[in-house]
Amino acid sequence: MTQPAERLARYEDLLALPEGLVGEILCGTLYTHPRPAPRHAHAYSALGYLIGGPFGGGIGGPGDWWIIDEPEFHLGGDIMVPDLAGWRRERMTRLPEAAGFELSPDWVCEILSPSTARTDRAIKMPVYAREGVAHLWLVDPDAQTLEVYALQEGRRWLLLDTLKEGDRVSQAPFEAVTFALDALWA
């Protein structure tokens, strides 16, 4: 006896989610998780400010980036919502009109939580590599660490650095500005 084929998740499945859940379609499967807890939300808000001001707005930094909180990507059949992403303005000269971005970013940051860490590492990291995202940061508010990765040979991640309590952040692609890692923790 054959099993019926499992239906791949569709965008309509994301739209039907109850309020308070974030949904993503990864490799045809619907993944959901609750809205971020306050410490998680504080970490990405603080990082958005520390990176977005100098790089997105040119405030005390070089500008020339679009830094976006929780953008929705439509990449190679996957629909993803990272915590933060950035595009160099030379690659994306203006923001798209549609809600979903179809151009892969130059940088992605995922803020790890117990409910998302496995998916962020085991499923989303390979998709980001497949789509040519050059830089990836993983922030862990519980461990109070920042892992900095660079895409190598267009297919695998190389861990460049792991920063911890008391360290100063001046990492690719945002090495033009330095800030205290501890500024991310509530």
N, C-alpha and C. Protein backbone atom coordinates (compact mmCIF):
# COMPACT_ATOMS: atom_id res chain seq x y z
N MET A 1 0.84 -1.16 0.00
CA MET A 1 0.00 0.00 0.00
C MET A 1 0.90 1.24 0.00
N THR A 2 0.59 2.20 -0.83
CA THR A 2 1.39 3.42 -0.91
C THR A 2 0.78 4.49 -0.04
N GLN A 3 1.64 5.32 0.50
CA GLN A 3 1.21 6.45 1.31
C GLN A 3 0.90 7.62 0.39
N PRO A 4 -0.12 8.41 0.70
CA PRO A 4 -0.36 9.60 -0.10
C PRO A 4 0.80 10.59 0.07
N ALA A 5 1.11 11.28 -1.01
CA ALA A 5 2.19 12.27 -0.96
C ALA A 5 1.82 13.39 0.01
N GLU A 6 2.80 13.78 0.82
CA GLU A 6 2.57 14.87 1.75
C GLU A 6 2.56 16.18 0.97
N ARG A 7 1.58 17.03 1.24
CA ARG A 7 1.43 18.30 0.54
C ARG A 7 2.50 19.27 1.01
N LEU A 8 3.13 19.96 0.08
CA LEU A 8 4.10 20.99 0.42
C LEU A 8 3.37 22.21 0.95
N ALA A 9 3.96 22.86 1.91
CA ALA A 9 3.36 24.06 2.48
C ALA A 9 3.31 25.16 1.42
N ARG A 10 2.28 26.01 1.53
CA ARG A 10 2.07 27.11 0.59
C ARG A 10 1.95 28.42 1.36
N TYR A 11 2.05 29.51 0.62
CA TYR A 11 1.96 30.83 1.24
C TYR A 11 0.64 30.99 1.98
N GLU A 12 -0.42 30.42 1.48
CA GLU A 12 -1.73 30.50 2.14
C GLU A 12 -1.67 29.92 3.56
N ASP A 13 -0.80 28.93 3.76
CA ASP A 13 -0.63 28.35 5.10
C ASP A 13 -0.04 29.38 6.07
N LEU A 14 0.85 30.22 5.58
CA LEU A 14 1.41 31.28 6.42
C LEU A 14 0.34 32.30 6.78
N LEU A 15 -0.48 32.65 5.80
CA LEU A 15 -1.53 33.65 6.04
C LEU A 15 -2.58 33.15 7.02
N ALA A 16 -2.76 31.84 7.11
CA ALA A 16 -3.78 31.25 7.98
C ALA A 16 -3.30 31.05 9.42
N LEU A 17 -2.05 31.36 9.72
CA LEU A 17 -1.53 31.15 11.07
C LEU A 17 -2.22 32.07 12.06
N PRO A 18 -2.42 31.59 13.28
CA PRO A 18 -3.00 32.45 14.32
C PRO A 18 -2.08 33.62 14.65
N GLU A 19 -2.67 34.69 15.14
CA GLU A 19 -1.89 35.86 15.54
C GLU A 19 -0.91 35.45 16.63
N GLY A 20 0.29 36.00 16.57
CA GLY A 20 1.30 35.70 17.57
C GLY A 20 2.28 34.64 17.15
N LEU A 21 2.05 33.99 15.99
CA LEU A 21 3.00 33.00 15.49
C LEU A 21 3.72 33.56 14.27
N VAL A 22 5.01 33.28 14.19
CA VAL A 22 5.81 33.60 13.02
C VAL A 22 5.94 32.31 12.23
N GLY A 23 5.70 32.38 10.93
CA GLY A 23 5.80 31.19 10.10
C GLY A 23 6.82 31.36 8.99
N GLU A 24 7.44 30.24 8.63
CA GLU A 24 8.38 30.19 7.52
C GLU A 24 8.16 28.88 6.79
N ILE A 25 8.41 28.88 5.49
CA ILE A 25 8.36 27.65 4.70
C ILE A 25 9.78 27.34 4.28
N LEU A 26 10.30 26.24 4.80
CA LEU A 26 11.67 25.84 4.55
C LEU A 26 11.68 24.44 3.99
N CYS A 27 12.21 24.29 2.79
CA CYS A 27 12.28 22.99 2.13
C CYS A 27 10.89 22.35 2.03
N GLY A 28 9.88 23.17 1.80
CA GLY A 28 8.52 22.68 1.62
C GLY A 28 7.73 22.43 2.89
N THR A 29 8.35 22.63 4.05
CA THR A 29 7.70 22.37 5.33
C THR A 29 7.41 23.68 6.05
N LEU A 30 6.23 23.78 6.65
CA LEU A 30 5.85 24.95 7.43
C LEU A 30 6.46 24.83 8.83
N TYR A 31 7.22 25.85 9.23
CA TYR A 31 7.78 25.94 10.57
C TYR A 31 7.17 27.15 11.24
N THR A 32 6.79 27.00 12.50
CA THR A 32 6.23 28.13 13.24
C THR A 32 6.94 28.25 14.58
N HIS A 33 6.94 29.48 15.09
CA HIS A 33 7.45 29.73 16.43
C HIS A 33 6.76 30.97 16.96
N PRO A 34 6.69 31.10 18.27
CA PRO A 34 6.03 32.28 18.84
C PRO A 34 6.83 33.55 18.58
N ARG A 35 6.17 34.68 18.73
CA ARG A 35 6.87 35.97 18.66
C ARG A 35 8.01 35.92 19.66
N PRO A 36 9.07 36.69 19.42
CA PRO A 36 10.24 36.61 20.31
C PRO A 36 9.95 37.06 21.74
N ALA A 37 10.65 36.41 22.65
CA ALA A 37 10.61 36.81 24.06
C ALA A 37 11.31 38.16 24.20
N PRO A 38 11.06 38.88 25.30
CA PRO A 38 11.65 40.22 25.45
C PRO A 38 13.18 40.28 25.31
N ARG A 39 13.91 39.33 25.89
CA ARG A 39 15.39 39.39 25.78
C ARG A 39 15.83 39.21 24.33
N HIS A 40 15.15 38.33 23.62
CA HIS A 40 15.43 38.10 22.20
C HIS A 40 15.13 39.37 21.40
N ALA A 41 13.94 39.94 21.63
CA ALA A 41 13.53 41.15 20.92
C ALA A 41 14.47 42.31 21.24
N HIS A 42 14.90 42.43 22.50
CA HIS A 42 15.83 43.50 22.86
C HIS A 42 17.15 43.34 22.10
N ALA A 43 17.65 42.11 22.00
CA ALA A 43 18.93 41.89 21.31
C ALA A 43 18.84 42.33 19.85
N TYR A 44 17.75 41.97 19.16
CA TYR A 44 17.72 42.37 17.75
C TYR A 44 17.35 43.83 17.59
N SER A 45 16.60 44.41 18.51
CA SER A 45 16.35 45.85 18.45
C SER A 45 17.64 46.63 18.67
N ALA A 46 18.42 46.23 19.67
CA ALA A 46 19.69 46.90 19.95
C ALA A 46 20.65 46.76 18.78
N LEU A 47 20.75 45.56 18.21
CA LEU A 47 21.65 45.35 17.08
C LEU A 47 21.17 46.15 15.87
N GLY A 48 19.86 46.19 15.65
CA GLY A 48 19.33 47.00 14.55
C GLY A 48 19.70 48.46 14.69
N TYR A 49 19.68 48.96 15.90
CA TYR A 49 20.07 50.35 16.17
C TYR A 49 21.57 50.54 15.96
N LEU A 50 22.37 49.63 16.51
CA LEU A 50 23.83 49.77 16.45
C LEU A 50 24.38 49.60 15.04
N ILE A 51 23.74 48.76 14.23
CA ILE A 51 24.16 48.55 12.85
C ILE A 51 23.39 49.49 11.91
N GLY A 52 22.08 49.60 12.15
CA GLY A 52 21.23 50.39 11.26
C GLY A 52 21.57 51.86 11.22
N GLY A 53 21.91 52.44 12.37
CA GLY A 53 22.26 53.86 12.40
C GLY A 53 23.45 54.18 11.51
N PRO A 54 24.60 53.55 11.77
CA PRO A 54 25.78 53.87 10.97
C PRO A 54 25.73 53.37 9.52
N PHE A 55 25.15 52.18 9.32
CA PHE A 55 25.21 51.59 7.98
C PHE A 55 23.94 51.83 7.18
N GLY A 56 22.79 51.80 7.83
CA GLY A 56 21.55 52.08 7.12
C GLY A 56 21.30 53.56 6.97
N GLY A 57 21.58 54.32 8.02
CA GLY A 57 21.30 55.75 8.00
C GLY A 57 22.51 56.64 7.81
N GLY A 58 23.70 56.08 7.87
CA GLY A 58 24.90 56.89 7.73
C GLY A 58 25.19 57.76 8.94
N ILE A 59 24.61 57.42 10.10
CA ILE A 59 24.80 58.19 11.32
C ILE A 59 26.07 57.67 12.01
N GLY A 60 27.16 58.39 11.90
CA GLY A 60 28.42 57.98 12.49
C GLY A 60 29.06 56.80 11.77
N GLY A 61 28.65 56.54 10.55
CA GLY A 61 29.21 55.43 9.79
C GLY A 61 29.06 55.68 8.29
N PRO A 62 29.40 54.68 7.50
CA PRO A 62 29.48 54.87 6.06
C PRO A 62 28.15 54.86 5.31
N GLY A 63 27.06 54.38 5.92
CA GLY A 63 25.80 54.28 5.19
C GLY A 63 25.89 53.20 4.12
N ASP A 64 25.15 53.37 3.05
CA ASP A 64 25.18 52.51 1.86
C ASP A 64 24.60 51.11 2.06
N TRP A 65 23.80 50.91 3.10
CA TRP A 65 23.14 49.63 3.32
C TRP A 65 21.64 49.87 3.55
N TRP A 66 20.85 48.87 3.26
CA TRP A 66 19.47 48.76 3.74
C TRP A 66 19.52 47.75 4.87
N ILE A 67 19.17 48.14 6.08
CA ILE A 67 19.11 47.22 7.22
C ILE A 67 17.63 47.10 7.59
N ILE A 68 17.09 45.89 7.53
CA ILE A 68 15.66 45.67 7.69
C ILE A 68 15.41 44.65 8.80
N ASP A 69 14.47 44.97 9.71
CA ASP A 69 14.03 44.04 10.75
C ASP A 69 13.01 43.08 10.16
N GLU A 70 13.18 41.81 10.42
CA GLU A 70 12.25 40.74 10.05
C GLU A 70 11.73 40.84 8.61
N PRO A 71 12.63 40.93 7.62
CA PRO A 71 12.16 40.92 6.24
C PRO A 71 11.68 39.53 5.85
N GLU A 72 10.78 39.47 4.94
CA GLU A 72 10.29 38.18 4.42
C GLU A 72 10.98 37.92 3.09
N PHE A 73 11.76 36.84 3.04
CA PHE A 73 12.46 36.45 1.81
C PHE A 73 11.65 35.40 1.07
N HIS A 74 11.67 35.49 -0.23
CA HIS A 74 11.14 34.45 -1.10
C HIS A 74 12.33 34.01 -1.96
N LEU A 75 13.02 32.97 -1.51
CA LEU A 75 14.26 32.55 -2.14
C LEU A 75 14.21 31.07 -2.49
N GLY A 76 14.26 30.77 -3.76
CA GLY A 76 14.34 29.38 -4.21
C GLY A 76 13.25 28.49 -3.66
N GLY A 77 12.03 28.97 -3.53
CA GLY A 77 10.93 28.18 -3.00
C GLY A 77 10.78 28.24 -1.49
N ASP A 78 11.75 28.82 -0.81
CA ASP A 78 11.68 28.97 0.64
C ASP A 78 11.17 30.37 0.98
N ILE A 79 10.40 30.45 2.06
CA ILE A 79 9.94 31.73 2.57
C ILE A 79 10.48 31.84 3.99
N MET A 80 11.37 32.80 4.18
CA MET A 80 12.12 32.90 5.43
C MET A 80 11.95 34.28 6.03
N VAL A 81 12.04 34.35 7.36
CA VAL A 81 11.95 35.62 8.08
C VAL A 81 13.09 35.67 9.10
N PRO A 82 14.27 36.16 8.68
CA PRO A 82 15.35 36.31 9.66
C PRO A 82 15.06 37.48 10.58
N ASP A 83 15.78 37.57 11.66
CA ASP A 83 15.59 38.68 12.59
C ASP A 83 16.04 40.01 11.98
N LEU A 84 17.19 40.01 11.32
CA LEU A 84 17.71 41.20 10.66
C LEU A 84 18.39 40.77 9.36
N ALA A 85 18.37 41.67 8.39
CA ALA A 85 19.09 41.42 7.15
C ALA A 85 19.55 42.74 6.57
N GLY A 86 20.59 42.68 5.76
CA GLY A 86 21.11 43.88 5.13
C GLY A 86 21.52 43.64 3.69
N TRP A 87 21.25 44.63 2.88
CA TRP A 87 21.63 44.62 1.47
C TRP A 87 22.49 45.85 1.21
N ARG A 88 23.57 45.67 0.51
CA ARG A 88 24.35 46.81 0.05
C ARG A 88 23.51 47.54 -0.99
N ARG A 89 23.47 48.85 -0.88
CA ARG A 89 22.63 49.63 -1.80
C ARG A 89 23.13 49.56 -3.24
N GLU A 90 24.38 49.20 -3.43
CA GLU A 90 24.87 49.03 -4.81
C GLU A 90 24.23 47.80 -5.47
N ARG A 91 23.80 46.81 -4.67
CA ARG A 91 23.11 45.62 -5.20
C ARG A 91 21.61 45.82 -5.26
N MET A 92 21.04 46.48 -4.27
CA MET A 92 19.61 46.74 -4.24
C MET A 92 19.45 48.26 -4.11
N THR A 93 19.30 48.91 -5.25
CA THR A 93 19.33 50.37 -5.28
C THR A 93 18.11 51.01 -4.64
N ARG A 94 16.99 50.28 -4.60
CA ARG A 94 15.80 50.79 -3.91
C ARG A 94 15.04 49.61 -3.32
N LEU A 95 14.23 49.91 -2.32
CA LEU A 95 13.45 48.86 -1.69
C LEU A 95 12.33 48.40 -2.62
N PRO A 96 12.02 47.11 -2.62
CA PRO A 96 10.94 46.62 -3.48
C PRO A 96 9.58 47.10 -2.98
N GLU A 97 8.60 47.11 -3.86
CA GLU A 97 7.24 47.49 -3.50
C GLU A 97 6.52 46.34 -2.79
N ALA A 98 6.80 45.11 -3.20
CA ALA A 98 6.14 43.94 -2.62
C ALA A 98 6.72 43.63 -1.24
N ALA A 99 5.92 42.95 -0.41
CA ALA A 99 6.35 42.61 0.95
C ALA A 99 7.52 41.64 0.96
N GLY A 100 7.57 40.71 0.02
CA GLY A 100 8.61 39.69 0.01
C GLY A 100 9.81 40.09 -0.81
N PHE A 101 11.00 39.94 -0.24
CA PHE A 101 12.25 40.23 -0.94
C PHE A 101 12.63 39.02 -1.77
N GLU A 102 12.99 39.24 -3.03
CA GLU A 102 13.42 38.14 -3.89
C GLU A 102 14.91 38.17 -4.18
N LEU A 103 15.58 39.22 -3.73
CA LEU A 103 17.03 39.33 -3.86
C LEU A 103 17.65 38.91 -2.53
N SER A 104 18.55 37.94 -2.58
CA SER A 104 19.18 37.49 -1.33
C SER A 104 19.98 38.63 -0.72
N PRO A 105 20.00 38.71 0.61
CA PRO A 105 20.74 39.78 1.28
C PRO A 105 22.24 39.51 1.27
N ASP A 106 22.99 40.53 1.63
CA ASP A 106 24.44 40.40 1.79
C ASP A 106 24.81 39.94 3.19
N TRP A 107 23.91 40.20 4.14
CA TRP A 107 24.15 39.86 5.55
C TRP A 107 22.83 39.46 6.19
N VAL A 108 22.87 38.43 7.01
CA VAL A 108 21.71 38.00 7.79
C VAL A 108 22.15 37.82 9.23
N CYS A 109 21.25 38.17 10.15
CA CYS A 109 21.49 37.91 11.56
C CYS A 109 20.28 37.18 12.12
N GLU A 110 20.54 36.06 12.76
CA GLU A 110 19.51 35.31 13.48
C GLU A 110 19.81 35.43 14.96
N ILE A 111 18.78 35.77 15.73
CA ILE A 111 18.91 35.80 17.18
C ILE A 111 18.39 34.45 17.67
N LEU A 112 19.25 33.65 18.23
CA LEU A 112 18.91 32.29 18.63
C LEU A 112 18.04 32.29 19.88
N SER A 113 17.08 31.39 19.90
CA SER A 113 16.27 31.14 21.09
C SER A 113 16.08 29.63 21.18
N PRO A 114 15.66 29.12 22.32
CA PRO A 114 15.46 27.68 22.43
C PRO A 114 14.51 27.13 21.37
N SER A 115 13.52 27.91 20.94
CA SER A 115 12.54 27.42 19.97
C SER A 115 13.01 27.56 18.52
N THR A 116 14.08 28.32 18.25
CA THR A 116 14.50 28.53 16.86
C THR A 116 15.92 28.09 16.55
N ALA A 117 16.76 27.86 17.54
CA ALA A 117 18.19 27.62 17.31
C ALA A 117 18.44 26.45 16.36
N ARG A 118 17.75 25.36 16.56
CA ARG A 118 17.96 24.18 15.71
C ARG A 118 17.61 24.48 14.26
N THR A 119 16.47 25.13 14.04
CA THR A 119 16.05 25.48 12.69
C THR A 119 17.00 26.49 12.07
N ASP A 120 17.40 27.49 12.85
CA ASP A 120 18.32 28.50 12.34
C ASP A 120 19.64 27.87 11.89
N ARG A 121 20.15 26.94 12.67
CA ARG A 121 21.44 26.33 12.35
C ARG A 121 21.35 25.22 11.29
N ALA A 122 20.44 24.30 11.46
CA ALA A 122 20.41 23.10 10.62
C ALA A 122 19.66 23.27 9.31
N ILE A 123 18.71 24.18 9.25
CA ILE A 123 17.90 24.33 8.04
C ILE A 123 18.17 25.67 7.35
N LYS A 124 18.12 26.76 8.10
CA LYS A 124 18.25 28.07 7.46
C LYS A 124 19.69 28.38 7.02
N MET A 125 20.69 28.00 7.81
CA MET A 125 22.07 28.28 7.40
C MET A 125 22.40 27.68 6.04
N PRO A 126 22.05 26.42 5.76
CA PRO A 126 22.32 25.88 4.42
C PRO A 126 21.55 26.63 3.31
N VAL A 127 20.33 27.07 3.60
CA VAL A 127 19.58 27.83 2.59
C VAL A 127 20.28 29.16 2.33
N TYR A 128 20.71 29.85 3.39
CA TYR A 128 21.43 31.11 3.19
C TYR A 128 22.69 30.89 2.35
N ALA A 129 23.40 29.79 2.59
CA ALA A 129 24.59 29.48 1.79
C ALA A 129 24.19 29.23 0.33
N ARG A 130 23.17 28.42 0.13
CA ARG A 130 22.70 28.12 -1.23
C ARG A 130 22.35 29.39 -2.00
N GLU A 131 21.79 30.37 -1.28
CA GLU A 131 21.35 31.61 -1.92
C GLU A 131 22.45 32.68 -1.99
N GLY A 132 23.67 32.35 -1.52
CA GLY A 132 24.80 33.25 -1.68
C GLY A 132 24.88 34.40 -0.71
N VAL A 133 24.25 34.27 0.47
CA VAL A 133 24.38 35.30 1.50
C VAL A 133 25.84 35.29 1.96
N ALA A 134 26.52 36.42 1.87
CA ALA A 134 27.97 36.44 2.12
C ALA A 134 28.33 36.41 3.60
N HIS A 135 27.48 36.99 4.46
CA HIS A 135 27.80 37.12 5.88
C HIS A 135 26.61 36.69 6.73
N LEU A 136 26.89 35.98 7.81
CA LEU A 136 25.86 35.51 8.72
C LEU A 136 26.34 35.70 10.15
N TRP A 137 25.48 36.30 10.96
CA TRP A 137 25.76 36.42 12.39
C TRP A 137 24.69 35.64 13.15
N LEU A 138 25.12 34.89 14.16
CA LEU A 138 24.22 34.22 15.08
C LEU A 138 24.44 34.80 16.47
N VAL A 139 23.40 35.40 17.01
CA VAL A 139 23.46 36.01 18.33
C VAL A 139 22.69 35.13 19.30
N ASP A 140 23.29 34.78 20.41
CA ASP A 140 22.63 33.96 21.42
C ASP A 140 22.51 34.77 22.72
N PRO A 141 21.31 35.32 23.00
CA PRO A 141 21.14 36.12 24.21
C PRO A 141 21.32 35.31 25.50
N ASP A 142 21.02 34.00 25.47
CA ASP A 142 21.19 33.19 26.67
C ASP A 142 22.67 32.96 26.98
N ALA A 143 23.45 32.59 25.97
CA ALA A 143 24.89 32.37 26.16
C ALA A 143 25.67 33.68 26.08
N GLN A 144 25.02 34.74 25.65
CA GLN A 144 25.63 36.06 25.46
C GLN A 144 26.86 35.97 24.56
N THR A 145 26.60 35.41 23.36
CA THR A 145 27.67 35.25 22.37
C THR A 145 27.20 35.74 21.00
N LEU A 146 28.17 36.04 20.16
CA LEU A 146 27.96 36.37 18.75
C LEU A 146 28.91 35.51 17.95
N GLU A 147 28.36 34.71 17.04
CA GLU A 147 29.17 33.92 16.11
C GLU A 147 29.12 34.64 14.76
N VAL A 148 30.28 34.84 14.16
CA VAL A 148 30.40 35.55 12.90
C VAL A 148 30.89 34.57 11.83
N TYR A 149 30.11 34.44 10.75
CA TYR A 149 30.42 33.51 9.67
C TYR A 149 30.60 34.25 8.35
N ALA A 150 31.42 33.68 7.47
CA ALA A 150 31.56 34.17 6.10
C ALA A 150 31.35 32.97 5.17
N LEU A 151 30.70 33.23 4.05
CA LEU A 151 30.48 32.17 3.07
C LEU A 151 31.77 31.92 2.30
N GLN A 152 32.18 30.67 2.23
CA GLN A 152 33.40 30.28 1.54
C GLN A 152 33.06 29.44 0.32
N GLU A 153 33.72 29.74 -0.78
CA GLU A 153 33.54 28.98 -2.02
C GLU A 153 32.08 28.92 -2.44
N GLY A 154 31.29 29.89 -1.99
CA GLY A 154 29.89 29.97 -2.38
C GLY A 154 29.01 28.84 -1.88
N ARG A 155 29.48 28.08 -0.87
CA ARG A 155 28.67 26.94 -0.46
C ARG A 155 28.79 26.52 1.00
N ARG A 156 29.81 26.97 1.72
CA ARG A 156 29.94 26.51 3.10
C ARG A 156 30.31 27.68 4.00
N TRP A 157 29.93 27.57 5.25
CA TRP A 157 30.17 28.63 6.21
C TRP A 157 31.50 28.42 6.92
N LEU A 158 32.26 29.49 7.05
CA LEU A 158 33.49 29.49 7.83
C LEU A 158 33.26 30.36 9.05
N LEU A 159 33.43 29.79 10.24
CA LEU A 159 33.31 30.55 11.48
C LEU A 159 34.54 31.43 11.61
N LEU A 160 34.33 32.75 11.56
CA LEU A 160 35.44 33.70 11.67
C LEU A 160 35.78 34.03 13.10
N ASP A 161 34.75 34.13 13.96
CA ASP A 161 35.00 34.54 15.33
C ASP A 161 33.78 34.22 16.18
N THR A 162 34.02 33.99 17.45
CA THR A 162 32.96 33.88 18.46
C THR A 162 33.28 34.90 19.54
N LEU A 163 32.39 35.86 19.71
CA LEU A 163 32.59 36.90 20.70
C LEU A 163 31.75 36.58 21.93
N LYS A 164 32.25 37.03 23.09
CA LYS A 164 31.59 36.74 24.35
C LYS A 164 31.58 37.99 25.21
N GLU A 165 31.11 37.83 26.43
CA GLU A 165 31.00 38.92 27.39
C GLU A 165 32.26 39.78 27.44
N GLY A 166 32.04 41.10 27.35
CA GLY A 166 33.15 42.03 27.43
C GLY A 166 33.85 42.33 26.12
N ASP A 167 33.56 41.54 25.07
CA ASP A 167 34.23 41.75 23.78
C ASP A 167 33.63 42.96 23.05
N ARG A 168 34.46 43.54 22.19
CA ARG A 168 34.03 44.63 21.32
C ARG A 168 33.72 44.03 19.95
N VAL A 169 32.65 44.50 19.33
CA VAL A 169 32.23 44.00 18.03
C VAL A 169 32.70 44.95 16.95
N SER A 170 33.49 44.44 16.03
CA SER A 170 33.95 45.15 14.85
C SER A 170 34.19 44.08 13.80
N GLN A 171 33.09 43.54 13.28
CA GLN A 171 33.15 42.33 12.46
C GLN A 171 32.59 42.57 11.06
N ALA A 172 33.10 41.79 10.11
CA ALA A 172 32.62 41.86 8.73
C ALA A 172 31.13 41.52 8.67
N PRO A 173 30.37 42.23 7.90
CA PRO A 173 30.78 43.28 6.97
C PRO A 173 30.69 44.68 7.57
N PHE A 174 30.61 44.78 8.89
CA PHE A 174 30.39 46.07 9.54
C PHE A 174 31.58 46.50 10.40
N GLU A 175 32.79 46.17 9.97
CA GLU A 175 33.97 46.46 10.77
C GLU A 175 34.32 47.94 10.85
N ALA A 176 33.64 48.80 10.12
CA ALA A 176 33.92 50.24 10.17
C ALA A 176 33.43 50.88 11.47
N VAL A 177 32.61 50.17 12.22
CA VAL A 177 32.07 50.68 13.48
C VAL A 177 32.32 49.64 14.57
N THR A 178 32.60 50.09 15.79
CA THR A 178 32.82 49.19 16.92
C THR A 178 31.80 49.50 18.02
N PHE A 179 31.26 48.45 18.62
CA PHE A 179 30.36 48.61 19.76
C PHE A 179 30.57 47.46 20.72
N ALA A 180 30.10 47.62 21.94
CA ALA A 180 30.24 46.59 22.97
C ALA A 180 29.20 45.50 22.76
N LEU A 181 29.63 44.26 22.73
CA LEU A 181 28.68 43.14 22.62
C LEU A 181 27.65 43.19 23.73
N ASP A 182 28.07 43.60 24.91
CA ASP A 182 27.17 43.65 26.06
C ASP A 182 25.98 44.60 25.85
N ALA A 183 26.06 45.49 24.87
CA ALA A 183 24.94 46.39 24.57
C ALA A 183 23.72 45.64 24.06
N LEU A 184 23.90 44.37 23.66
CA LEU A 184 22.78 43.58 23.13
C LEU A 184 21.97 42.90 24.23
N TRP A 185 22.50 42.85 25.43
CA TRP A 185 21.84 42.09 26.48
C TRP A 185 20.99 43.00 27.36
N ALA A 186 19.81 42.50 27.69
CA ALA A 186 18.88 43.28 28.54
C ALA A 186 19.37 43.28 29.97
